[in-house]
Structures are given as C-alpha cells and as structure tokens.
Amino acid sequence: YLQMNGLKPEDTAVYYCGSFRDLNFSDGYYKNLQSYDYWGQGTQVTVS
C-alpha cells in the first residue's frame, strides 16, 4: 500500500508498481528504475 497524504497538484501522474526478487541489496538499488523486473499497468492519480 502507498498512503498518500497532503496531496499536491504536482503529485498528479500515473503511478506504477514494480517488483524484483529481493536479495537484500543496498539502499540505492531499491530506488533505481532499472532494478525492477515486473510492472503493473499503472493507476492515474489526479490532484486538483
């Protein structure tokens, strides 16, 4: 789950969930787009 509070118009985007097999990597690995092997279709978030 991603709980988003205090949403701002600049948070407007398609949000995608990704995953990879976890082998206890360094912190930067989890933040890197290229680390992820699988992706969902995305869900639109629009903040007015």
All heavy atoms as atom14 arrays in JSON, in Angstrom:
{
  "sequence": "YLQMNGLKPEDTAVYYCGSFRDLNFSDGYYKNLQSYDYWGQGTQVTVS",
  "atom14_mask": [
    [1, 1, 1, 1, 1, 1, 1, 1, 1, 1, 1, 1, 0, 0],
    [1, 1, 1, 1, 1, 1, 1, 1, 0, 0, 0, 0, 0, 0],
    [1, 1, 1, 1, 1, 1, 1, 1, 1, 0, 0, 0, 0, 0],
    [1, 1, 1, 1, 1, 1, 1, 1, 0, 0, 0, 0, 0, 0],
    [1, 1, 1, 1, 1, 1, 1, 1, 0, 0, 0, 0, 0, 0],
    [1, 1, 1, 1, 0, 0, 0, 0, 0, 0, 0, 0, 0, 0],
    [1, 1, 1, 1, 1, 1, 1, 1, 0, 0, 0, 0, 0, 0],
    [1, 1, 1, 1, 1, 1, 1, 1, 1, 0, 0, 0, 0, 0],
    [1, 1, 1, 1, 1, 1, 1, 0, 0, 0, 0, 0, 0, 0],
    [1, 1, 1, 1, 1, 1, 1, 1, 1, 0, 0, 0, 0, 0],
    [1, 1, 1, 1, 1, 1, 1, 1, 0, 0, 0, 0, 0, 0],
    [1, 1, 1, 1, 1, 1, 1, 0, 0, 0, 0, 0, 0, 0],
    [1, 1, 1, 1, 1, 0, 0, 0, 0, 0, 0, 0, 0, 0],
    [1, 1, 1, 1, 1, 1, 1, 0, 0, 0, 0, 0, 0, 0],
    [1, 1, 1, 1, 1, 1, 1, 1, 1, 1, 1, 1, 0, 0],
    [1, 1, 1, 1, 1, 1, 1, 1, 1, 1, 1, 1, 0, 0],
    [1, 1, 1, 1, 1, 1, 0, 0, 0, 0, 0, 0, 0, 0],
    [1, 1, 1, 1, 0, 0, 0, 0, 0, 0, 0, 0, 0, 0],
    [1, 1, 1, 1, 1, 1, 0, 0, 0, 0, 0, 0, 0, 0],
    [1, 1, 1, 1, 1, 1, 1, 1, 1, 1, 1, 0, 0, 0],
    [1, 1, 1, 1, 1, 1, 1, 1, 1, 1, 1, 0, 0, 0],
    [1, 1, 1, 1, 1, 1, 1, 1, 0, 0, 0, 0, 0, 0],
    [1, 1, 1, 1, 1, 1, 1, 1, 0, 0, 0, 0, 0, 0],
    [1, 1, 1, 1, 1, 1, 1, 1, 0, 0, 0, 0, 0, 0],
    [1, 1, 1, 1, 1, 1, 1, 1, 1, 1, 1, 0, 0, 0],
    [1, 1, 1, 1, 1, 1, 0, 0, 0, 0, 0, 0, 0, 0],
    [1, 1, 1, 1, 1, 1, 1, 1, 0, 0, 0, 0, 0, 0],
    [1, 1, 1, 1, 0, 0, 0, 0, 0, 0, 0, 0, 0, 0],
    [1, 1, 1, 1, 1, 1, 1, 1, 1, 1, 1, 1, 0, 0],
    [1, 1, 1, 1, 1, 1, 1, 1, 1, 1, 1, 1, 0, 0],
    [1, 1, 1, 1, 1, 1, 1, 1, 1, 0, 0, 0, 0, 0],
    [1, 1, 1, 1, 1, 1, 1, 1, 0, 0, 0, 0, 0, 0],
    [1, 1, 1, 1, 1, 1, 1, 1, 0, 0, 0, 0, 0, 0],
    [1, 1, 1, 1, 1, 1, 1, 1, 1, 0, 0, 0, 0, 0],
    [1, 1, 1, 1, 1, 1, 0, 0, 0, 0, 0, 0, 0, 0],
    [1, 1, 1, 1, 1, 1, 1, 1, 1, 1, 1, 1, 0, 0],
    [1, 1, 1, 1, 1, 1, 1, 1, 0, 0, 0, 0, 0, 0],
    [1, 1, 1, 1, 1, 1, 1, 1, 1, 1, 1, 1, 0, 0],
    [1, 1, 1, 1, 1, 1, 1, 1, 1, 1, 1, 1, 1, 1],
    [1, 1, 1, 1, 0, 0, 0, 0, 0, 0, 0, 0, 0, 0],
    [1, 1, 1, 1, 1, 1, 1, 1, 1, 0, 0, 0, 0, 0],
    [1, 1, 1, 1, 0, 0, 0, 0, 0, 0, 0, 0, 0, 0],
    [1, 1, 1, 1, 1, 1, 1, 0, 0, 0, 0, 0, 0, 0],
    [1, 1, 1, 1, 1, 1, 1, 1, 1, 0, 0, 0, 0, 0],
    [1, 1, 1, 1, 1, 1, 1, 0, 0, 0, 0, 0, 0, 0],
    [1, 1, 1, 1, 1, 1, 1, 0, 0, 0, 0, 0, 0, 0],
    [1, 1, 1, 1, 1, 1, 1, 0, 0, 0, 0, 0, 0, 0],
    [1, 1, 1, 1, 1, 1, 0, 0, 0, 0, 0, 0, 0, 0]
  ],
  "atom14_positions": [
    [[0.83, -1.2, 0.0], [0.0, 0.0, 0.0], [0.87, 1.25, 0.0], [1.9, 1.3, 0.68], [-0.9, 0.02, 1.23], [-1.85, -1.15, 1.29], [-1.54, -2.28, 2.04], [-3.04, -1.13, 0.57], [-2.4, -3.37, 2.09], [-3.91, -2.21, 0.62], [-3.59, -3.32, 1.37], [-4.45, -4.39, 1.4], [0.0, 0.0, 0.0], [0.0, 0.0, 0.0]],
    [[0.43, 2.25, -0.72], [1.06, 3.56, -0.69], [0.01, 4.55, -0.19], [-0.95, 4.85, -0.9], [1.56, 3.96, -2.08], [2.28, 5.31, -2.14], [3.64, 5.21, -1.42], [2.49, 5.75, -3.58], [0.0, 0.0, 0.0], [0.0, 0.0, 0.0], [0.0, 0.0, 0.0], [0.0, 0.0, 0.0], [0.0, 0.0, 0.0], [0.0, 0.0, 0.0]],
    [[0.2, 5.02, 1.03], [-0.69, 6.01, 1.61], [-0.15, 7.38, 1.28], [0.97, 7.72, 1.67], [-0.79, 5.81, 3.12], [-1.66, 6.85, 3.82], [-3.12, 6.73, 3.45], [-3.67, 5.62, 3.37], [-3.78, 7.86, 3.22], [0.0, 0.0, 0.0], [0.0, 0.0, 0.0], [0.0, 0.0, 0.0], [0.0, 0.0, 0.0], [0.0, 0.0, 0.0]],
    [[-0.95, 8.17, 0.6], [-0.52, 9.49, 0.15], [-1.37, 10.54, 0.84], [-2.6, 10.59, 0.65], [-0.65, 9.61, -1.36], [0.08, 8.49, -2.12], [0.07, 8.72, -3.91], [-1.67, 8.56, -4.26], [0.0, 0.0, 0.0], [0.0, 0.0, 0.0], [0.0, 0.0, 0.0], [0.0, 0.0, 0.0], [0.0, 0.0, 0.0], [0.0, 0.0, 0.0]],
    [[-0.74, 11.37, 1.64], [-1.42, 12.44, 2.37], [-0.91, 13.79, 1.9], [0.17, 13.89, 1.33], [-1.18, 12.29, 3.87], [-1.69, 10.98, 4.41], [-2.73, 10.48, 3.98], [-0.96, 10.4, 5.35], [0.0, 0.0, 0.0], [0.0, 0.0, 0.0], [0.0, 0.0, 0.0], [0.0, 0.0, 0.0], [0.0, 0.0, 0.0], [0.0, 0.0, 0.0]],
    [[-1.69, 14.82, 2.16], [-1.27, 16.15, 1.78], [-0.96, 16.28, 0.3], [0.02, 16.91, -0.09], [0.0, 0.0, 0.0], [0.0, 0.0, 0.0], [0.0, 0.0, 0.0], [0.0, 0.0, 0.0], [0.0, 0.0, 0.0], [0.0, 0.0, 0.0], [0.0, 0.0, 0.0], [0.0, 0.0, 0.0], [0.0, 0.0, 0.0], [0.0, 0.0, 0.0]],
    [[-1.81, 15.7, -0.52], [-1.52, 15.66, -1.95], [-1.5, 17.05, -2.57], [-2.26, 17.95, -2.16], [-2.54, 14.79, -2.66], [-2.31, 13.29, -2.47], [-3.54, 12.48, -2.82], [-1.12, 12.83, -3.3], [0.0, 0.0, 0.0], [0.0, 0.0, 0.0], [0.0, 0.0, 0.0], [0.0, 0.0, 0.0], [0.0, 0.0, 0.0], [0.0, 0.0, 0.0]],
    [[-0.61, 17.21, -3.54], [-0.43, 18.47, -4.24], [-0.67, 18.26, -5.74], [-0.51, 17.14, -6.23], [1.0, 18.98, -4.02], [1.4, 19.13, -2.58], [2.86, 19.55, -2.46], [3.29, 19.7, -1.02], [4.72, 20.12, -0.9], [0.0, 0.0, 0.0], [0.0, 0.0, 0.0], [0.0, 0.0, 0.0], [0.0, 0.0, 0.0], [0.0, 0.0, 0.0]],
    [[-1.02, 19.31, -6.45], [-1.21, 19.16, -7.9], [0.0, 18.54, -8.6], [-0.16, 17.8, -9.57], [-1.47, 20.6, -8.36], [-2.1, 21.25, -7.19], [-1.4, 20.66, -5.99], [0.0, 0.0, 0.0], [0.0, 0.0, 0.0], [0.0, 0.0, 0.0], [0.0, 0.0, 0.0], [0.0, 0.0, 0.0], [0.0, 0.0, 0.0], [0.0, 0.0, 0.0]],
    [[1.19, 18.81, -8.1], [2.39, 18.25, -8.73], [2.54, 16.75, -8.48], [3.44, 16.12, -9.04], [3.65, 18.99, -8.26], [3.78, 19.14, -6.77], [3.28, 20.49, -6.27], [2.19, 20.93, -6.74], [3.95, 21.09, -5.42], [0.0, 0.0, 0.0], [0.0, 0.0, 0.0], [0.0, 0.0, 0.0], [0.0, 0.0, 0.0], [0.0, 0.0, 0.0]],
    [[1.69, 16.17, -7.65], [1.68, 14.72, -7.47], [0.88, 14.02, -8.57], [0.86, 12.79, -8.63], [1.08, 14.34, -6.11], [1.93, 14.8, -4.95], [3.18, 14.65, -5.02], [1.36, 15.31, -3.96], [0.0, 0.0, 0.0], [0.0, 0.0, 0.0], [0.0, 0.0, 0.0], [0.0, 0.0, 0.0], [0.0, 0.0, 0.0], [0.0, 0.0, 0.0]],
    [[0.23, 14.79, -9.4], [-0.55, 14.22, -10.49], [0.34, 13.44, -11.45], [1.34, 13.97, -11.95], [-1.28, 15.33, -11.26], [-2.24, 15.94, -10.39], [-2.0, 14.78, -12.48], [0.0, 0.0, 0.0], [0.0, 0.0, 0.0], [0.0, 0.0, 0.0], [0.0, 0.0, 0.0], [0.0, 0.0, 0.0], [0.0, 0.0, 0.0], [0.0, 0.0, 0.0]],
    [[-0.01, 12.18, -11.67], [0.8, 11.29, -12.51], [0.12, 9.94, -12.59], [-0.84, 9.67, -11.86], [2.2, 11.12, -11.93], [0.0, 0.0, 0.0], [0.0, 0.0, 0.0], [0.0, 0.0, 0.0], [0.0, 0.0, 0.0], [0.0, 0.0, 0.0], [0.0, 0.0, 0.0], [0.0, 0.0, 0.0], [0.0, 0.0, 0.0], [0.0, 0.0, 0.0]],
    [[0.64, 9.1, -13.46], [0.29, 7.68, -13.43], [1.28, 7.01, -12.47], [2.49, 7.18, -12.61], [0.37, 7.03, -14.82], [0.06, 5.54, -14.72], [-0.59, 7.73, -15.78], [0.0, 0.0, 0.0], [0.0, 0.0, 0.0], [0.0, 0.0, 0.0], [0.0, 0.0, 0.0], [0.0, 0.0, 0.0], [0.0, 0.0, 0.0], [0.0, 0.0, 0.0]],
    [[0.74, 6.28, -11.53], [1.57, 5.61, -10.54], [1.68, 4.13, -10.9], [0.66, 3.45, -11.1], [0.96, 5.78, -9.15], [1.21, 7.15, -8.57], [0.6, 8.28, -9.12], [2.09, 7.33, -7.5], [0.85, 9.55, -8.62], [2.34, 8.6, -6.98], [1.72, 9.69, -7.55], [1.98, 10.95, -7.05], [0.0, 0.0, 0.0], [0.0, 0.0, 0.0]],
    [[2.92, 3.67, -10.96], [3.21, 2.29, -11.33], [3.83, 1.53, -10.17], [4.68, 2.06, -9.45], [4.19, 2.24, -12.5], [3.68, 2.84, -13.79], [3.9, 4.17, -14.09], [2.97, 2.05, -14.69], [3.43, 4.71, -15.27], [2.5, 2.59, -15.88], [2.74, 3.93, -16.16], [2.27, 4.46, -17.35], [0.0, 0.0, 0.0], [0.0, 0.0, 0.0]],
    [[3.43, 0.3, -10.04], [4.01, -0.61, -9.07], [5.0, -1.52, -9.79], [4.7, -2.04, -10.88], [2.9, -1.44, -8.43], [3.47, -2.69, -7.29], [0.0, 0.0, 0.0], [0.0, 0.0, 0.0], [0.0, 0.0, 0.0], [0.0, 0.0, 0.0], [0.0, 0.0, 0.0], [0.0, 0.0, 0.0], [0.0, 0.0, 0.0], [0.0, 0.0, 0.0]],
    [[6.17, -1.71, -9.21], [7.17, -2.58, -9.79], [7.72, -3.54, -8.74], [7.54, -3.32, -7.54], [0.0, 0.0, 0.0], [0.0, 0.0, 0.0], [0.0, 0.0, 0.0], [0.0, 0.0, 0.0], [0.0, 0.0, 0.0], [0.0, 0.0, 0.0], [0.0, 0.0, 0.0], [0.0, 0.0, 0.0], [0.0, 0.0, 0.0], [0.0, 0.0, 0.0]],
    [[8.37, -4.61, -9.2], [8.93, -5.56, -8.25], [10.18, -6.21, -8.82], [10.41, -6.23, -10.03], [7.91, -6.63, -7.88], [7.67, -7.5, -8.97], [0.0, 0.0, 0.0], [0.0, 0.0, 0.0], [0.0, 0.0, 0.0], [0.0, 0.0, 0.0], [0.0, 0.0, 0.0], [0.0, 0.0, 0.0], [0.0, 0.0, 0.0], [0.0, 0.0, 0.0]],
    [[11.0, -6.75, -7.91], [12.17, -7.55, -8.29], [12.45, -8.5, -7.14], [12.06, -8.25, -5.99], [13.38, -6.66, -8.58], [13.84, -5.81, -7.43], [14.74, -6.29, -6.48], [13.39, -4.5, -7.3], [15.16, -5.5, -5.42], [13.81, -3.7, -6.24], [14.69, -4.2, -5.3], [0.0, 0.0, 0.0], [0.0, 0.0, 0.0], [0.0, 0.0, 0.0]],
    [[13.16, -9.58, -7.47], [13.5, -10.55, -6.44], [14.49, -9.92, -5.47], [15.54, -9.42, -5.88], [14.09, -11.8, -7.06], [14.27, -12.92, -6.03], [14.86, -14.16, -6.64], [15.11, -15.16, -5.61], [15.93, -16.18, -5.74], [16.59, -16.33, -6.87], [16.08, -17.04, -4.76], [0.0, 0.0, 0.0], [0.0, 0.0, 0.0], [0.0, 0.0, 0.0]],
    [[14.15, -9.93, -4.2], [14.9, -9.2, -3.2], [16.03, -10.06, -2.62], [15.77, -11.11, -2.02], [13.96, -8.76, -2.08], [14.57, -7.68, -1.22], [15.8, -7.49, -1.28], [13.82, -7.02, -0.49], [0.0, 0.0, 0.0], [0.0, 0.0, 0.0], [0.0, 0.0, 0.0], [0.0, 0.0, 0.0], [0.0, 0.0, 0.0], [0.0, 0.0, 0.0]],
    [[17.26, -9.59, -2.81], [18.42, -10.28, -2.25], [19.17, -9.37, -1.29], [20.4, -9.44, -1.18], [19.34, -10.75, -3.39], [18.71, -11.75, -4.37], [19.68, -12.08, -5.5], [18.28, -13.02, -3.64], [0.0, 0.0, 0.0], [0.0, 0.0, 0.0], [0.0, 0.0, 0.0], [0.0, 0.0, 0.0], [0.0, 0.0, 0.0], [0.0, 0.0, 0.0]],
    [[18.43, -8.52, -0.59], [18.99, -7.63, 0.42], [20.07, -6.74, -0.15], [21.23, -6.76, 0.29], [19.53, -8.45, 1.6], [19.77, -7.58, 2.82], [19.09, -6.58, 3.02], [20.72, -7.97, 3.65], [0.0, 0.0, 0.0], [0.0, 0.0, 0.0], [0.0, 0.0, 0.0], [0.0, 0.0, 0.0], [0.0, 0.0, 0.0], [0.0, 0.0, 0.0]],
    [[19.68, -5.92, -1.08], [20.6, -5.04, -1.77], [20.84, -3.76, -0.96], [20.2, -3.51, 0.07], [20.03, -4.66, -3.14], [19.87, -5.83, -4.06], [18.62, -6.39, -4.29], [20.96, -6.37, -4.71], [18.46, -7.46, -5.15], [20.82, -7.45, -5.57], [19.57, -8.0, -5.78], [0.0, 0.0, 0.0], [0.0, 0.0, 0.0], [0.0, 0.0, 0.0]],
    [[21.74, -2.93, -1.46], [21.97, -1.62, -0.86], [20.78, -0.71, -1.13], [19.96, -0.98, -2.02], [23.25, -1.0, -1.42], [23.11, -0.79, -2.81], [0.0, 0.0, 0.0], [0.0, 0.0, 0.0], [0.0, 0.0, 0.0], [0.0, 0.0, 0.0], [0.0, 0.0, 0.0], [0.0, 0.0, 0.0], [0.0, 0.0, 0.0], [0.0, 0.0, 0.0]],
    [[20.7, 0.38, -0.38], [19.52, 1.26, -0.46], [19.27, 1.75, -1.88], [18.12, 1.81, -2.34], [19.71, 2.45, 0.47], [19.64, 2.07, 1.93], [19.56, 0.85, 2.23], [19.68, 2.97, 2.79], [0.0, 0.0, 0.0], [0.0, 0.0, 0.0], [0.0, 0.0, 0.0], [0.0, 0.0, 0.0], [0.0, 0.0, 0.0], [0.0, 0.0, 0.0]],
    [[20.31, 2.14, -2.56], [20.16, 2.72, -3.89], [19.52, 1.78, -4.89], [18.87, 2.22, -5.84], [0.0, 0.0, 0.0], [0.0, 0.0, 0.0], [0.0, 0.0, 0.0], [0.0, 0.0, 0.0], [0.0, 0.0, 0.0], [0.0, 0.0, 0.0], [0.0, 0.0, 0.0], [0.0, 0.0, 0.0], [0.0, 0.0, 0.0], [0.0, 0.0, 0.0]],
    [[19.68, 0.5, -4.68], [19.13, -0.49, -5.61], [17.61, -0.41, -5.64], [16.98, -0.54, -6.68], [19.58, -1.88, -5.2], [19.43, -2.92, -6.27], [20.45, -3.2, -7.18], [18.25, -3.66, -6.38], [20.31, -4.16, -8.15], [18.1, -4.63, -7.35], [19.12, -4.88, -8.23], [18.97, -5.83, -9.22], [0.0, 0.0, 0.0], [0.0, 0.0, 0.0]],
    [[17.01, -0.19, -4.5], [15.54, -0.15, -4.4], [14.97, 1.12, -5.04], [13.79, 1.15, -5.38], [15.11, -0.21, -2.93], [15.52, -1.5, -2.27], [16.79, -1.66, -1.73], [14.65, -2.59, -2.21], [17.18, -2.85, -1.14], [15.03, -3.78, -1.61], [16.3, -3.91, -1.09], [16.69, -5.09, -0.51], [0.0, 0.0, 0.0], [0.0, 0.0, 0.0]],
    [[15.77, 2.16, -5.2], [15.31, 3.42, -5.77], [15.57, 3.53, -7.27], [15.16, 4.51, -7.89], [16.0, 4.59, -5.06], [15.76, 4.63, -3.57], [16.5, 5.8, -2.93], [16.25, 5.85, -1.42], [16.94, 7.01, -0.8], [0.0, 0.0, 0.0], [0.0, 0.0, 0.0], [0.0, 0.0, 0.0], [0.0, 0.0, 0.0], [0.0, 0.0, 0.0]],
    [[16.22, 2.54, -7.8], [16.65, 2.58, -9.2], [15.63, 1.91, -10.12], [15.31, 0.73, -9.95], [18.01, 1.88, -9.33], [18.61, 2.05, -10.71], [17.94, 2.42, -11.66], [19.89, 1.78, -10.82], [0.0, 0.0, 0.0], [0.0, 0.0, 0.0], [0.0, 0.0, 0.0], [0.0, 0.0, 0.0], [0.0, 0.0, 0.0], [0.0, 0.0, 0.0]],
    [[15.13, 2.65, -11.08], [14.15, 2.14, -12.03], [14.63, 0.85, -12.71], [13.84, -0.09, -12.92], [13.88, 3.21, -13.08], [12.91, 2.89, -14.21], [11.5, 2.76, -13.68], [12.99, 3.96, -15.29], [0.0, 0.0, 0.0], [0.0, 0.0, 0.0], [0.0, 0.0, 0.0], [0.0, 0.0, 0.0], [0.0, 0.0, 0.0], [0.0, 0.0, 0.0]],
    [[15.89, 0.78, -13.01], [16.44, -0.36, -13.76], [16.49, -1.65, -12.93], [16.7, -2.73, -13.48], [17.85, -0.02, -14.26], [17.91, 1.24, -15.12], [16.96, 1.19, -16.29], [16.81, 0.16, -16.94], [16.3, 2.31, -16.57], [0.0, 0.0, 0.0], [0.0, 0.0, 0.0], [0.0, 0.0, 0.0], [0.0, 0.0, 0.0], [0.0, 0.0, 0.0]],
    [[16.29, -1.54, -11.63], [16.33, -2.72, -10.77], [15.07, -3.56, -10.9], [15.06, -4.74, -10.57], [16.5, -2.31, -9.3], [17.65, -1.55, -9.13], [0.0, 0.0, 0.0], [0.0, 0.0, 0.0], [0.0, 0.0, 0.0], [0.0, 0.0, 0.0], [0.0, 0.0, 0.0], [0.0, 0.0, 0.0], [0.0, 0.0, 0.0], [0.0, 0.0, 0.0]],
    [[14.01, -2.98, -11.39], [12.7, -3.62, -11.37], [12.44, -4.45, -12.62], [12.64, -3.98, -13.74], [11.61, -2.55, -11.18], [11.67, -1.96, -9.8], [12.64, -1.02, -9.46], [10.78, -2.37, -8.81], [12.73, -0.5, -8.18], [10.85, -1.85, -7.53], [11.83, -0.92, -7.22], [11.91, -0.42, -5.95], [0.0, 0.0, 0.0], [0.0, 0.0, 0.0]],
    [[11.99, -5.68, -12.38], [11.78, -6.63, -13.48], [10.33, -6.72, -13.94], [10.06, -7.09, -15.08], [12.24, -8.02, -13.05], [13.71, -8.07, -12.72], [14.51, -7.55, -13.53], [14.07, -8.61, -11.66], [0.0, 0.0, 0.0], [0.0, 0.0, 0.0], [0.0, 0.0, 0.0], [0.0, 0.0, 0.0], [0.0, 0.0, 0.0], [0.0, 0.0, 0.0]],
    [[9.41, -6.43, -13.05], [7.99, -6.57, -13.36], [7.26, -5.28, -13.04], [7.59, -4.6, -12.06], [7.37, -7.73, -12.57], [8.05, -9.05, -12.81], [8.98, -9.54, -11.9], [7.78, -9.79, -13.96], [9.63, -10.75, -12.14], [8.41, -10.99, -14.2], [9.34, -11.47, -13.29], [9.97, -12.66, -13.53], [0.0, 0.0, 0.0], [0.0, 0.0, 0.0]],
    [[6.25, -4.97, -13.84], [5.49, -3.74, -13.69], [4.0, -4.0, -13.85], [3.58, -4.87, -14.62], [5.92, -2.72, -14.73], [7.31, -2.22, -14.54], [8.44, -2.67, -15.16], [7.73, -1.19, -13.65], [9.53, -1.98, -14.71], [9.13, -1.06, -13.78], [7.07, -0.35, -12.76], [9.88, -0.12, -13.05], [7.81, 0.57, -12.03], [9.19, 0.68, -12.19]],
    [[3.22, -3.2, -13.11], [1.79, -3.2, -13.32], [1.42, -2.24, -14.43], [2.29, -1.6, -15.04], [0.0, 0.0, 0.0], [0.0, 0.0, 0.0], [0.0, 0.0, 0.0], [0.0, 0.0, 0.0], [0.0, 0.0, 0.0], [0.0, 0.0, 0.0], [0.0, 0.0, 0.0], [0.0, 0.0, 0.0], [0.0, 0.0, 0.0], [0.0, 0.0, 0.0]],
    [[0.12, -2.12, -14.68], [-0.38, -1.28, -15.77], [-0.45, 0.19, -15.39], [-0.58, 1.05, -16.27], [-1.76, -1.77, -16.21], [-1.71, -3.14, -16.86], [-0.87, -3.14, -18.12], [-1.06, -2.34, -19.02], [0.09, -4.06, -18.18], [0.0, 0.0, 0.0], [0.0, 0.0, 0.0], [0.0, 0.0, 0.0], [0.0, 0.0, 0.0], [0.0, 0.0, 0.0]],
    [[-0.41, 0.48, -14.1], [-0.46, 1.86, -13.64], [-1.87, 2.29, -13.25], [-2.86, 1.73, -13.72], [0.0, 0.0, 0.0], [0.0, 0.0, 0.0], [0.0, 0.0, 0.0], [0.0, 0.0, 0.0], [0.0, 0.0, 0.0], [0.0, 0.0, 0.0], [0.0, 0.0, 0.0], [0.0, 0.0, 0.0], [0.0, 0.0, 0.0], [0.0, 0.0, 0.0]],
    [[-1.92, 3.28, -12.37], [-3.2, 3.85, -11.95], [-3.05, 5.37, -11.91], [-2.05, 5.89, -11.42], [-3.64, 3.28, -10.58], [-4.94, 3.78, -10.25], [-2.67, 3.64, -9.46], [0.0, 0.0, 0.0], [0.0, 0.0, 0.0], [0.0, 0.0, 0.0], [0.0, 0.0, 0.0], [0.0, 0.0, 0.0], [0.0, 0.0, 0.0], [0.0, 0.0, 0.0]],
    [[-4.04, 6.05, -12.44], [-3.97, 7.5, -12.56], [-4.34, 8.17, -11.25], [-5.37, 7.85, -10.64], [-4.92, 7.99, -13.67], [-4.99, 9.5, -13.82], [-3.71, 10.09, -14.4], [-3.18, 9.58, -15.39], [-3.22, 11.18, -13.81], [0.0, 0.0, 0.0], [0.0, 0.0, 0.0], [0.0, 0.0, 0.0], [0.0, 0.0, 0.0], [0.0, 0.0, 0.0]],
    [[-3.5, 9.12, -10.85], [-3.79, 9.98, -9.69], [-3.82, 11.42, -10.2], [-2.85, 11.89, -10.81], [-2.72, 9.83, -8.6], [-2.92, 10.88, -7.52], [-2.78, 8.43, -8.01], [0.0, 0.0, 0.0], [0.0, 0.0, 0.0], [0.0, 0.0, 0.0], [0.0, 0.0, 0.0], [0.0, 0.0, 0.0], [0.0, 0.0, 0.0], [0.0, 0.0, 0.0]],
    [[-4.93, 12.1, -9.95], [-5.07, 13.48, -10.38], [-5.44, 14.33, -9.16], [-6.42, 14.03, -8.47], [-6.16, 13.64, -11.45], [-5.85, 12.8, -12.57], [-6.25, 15.08, -11.92], [0.0, 0.0, 0.0], [0.0, 0.0, 0.0], [0.0, 0.0, 0.0], [0.0, 0.0, 0.0], [0.0, 0.0, 0.0], [0.0, 0.0, 0.0], [0.0, 0.0, 0.0]],
    [[-4.65, 15.35, -8.92], [-4.86, 16.24, -7.78], [-5.24, 17.62, -8.32], [-4.45, 18.25, -9.03], [-3.62, 16.33, -6.89], [-3.93, 17.17, -5.66], [-3.14, 14.94, -6.49], [0.0, 0.0, 0.0], [0.0, 0.0, 0.0], [0.0, 0.0, 0.0], [0.0, 0.0, 0.0], [0.0, 0.0, 0.0], [0.0, 0.0, 0.0], [0.0, 0.0, 0.0]],
    [[-6.43, 18.07, -7.98], [-6.89, 19.37, -8.46], [-6.55, 20.46, -7.44], [-6.52, 20.21, -6.24], [-8.4, 19.33, -8.7], [-9.08, 19.08, -7.48], [0.0, 0.0, 0.0], [0.0, 0.0, 0.0], [0.0, 0.0, 0.0], [0.0, 0.0, 0.0], [0.0, 0.0, 0.0], [0.0, 0.0, 0.0], [0.0, 0.0, 0.0], [0.0, 0.0, 0.0]]
  ]
}
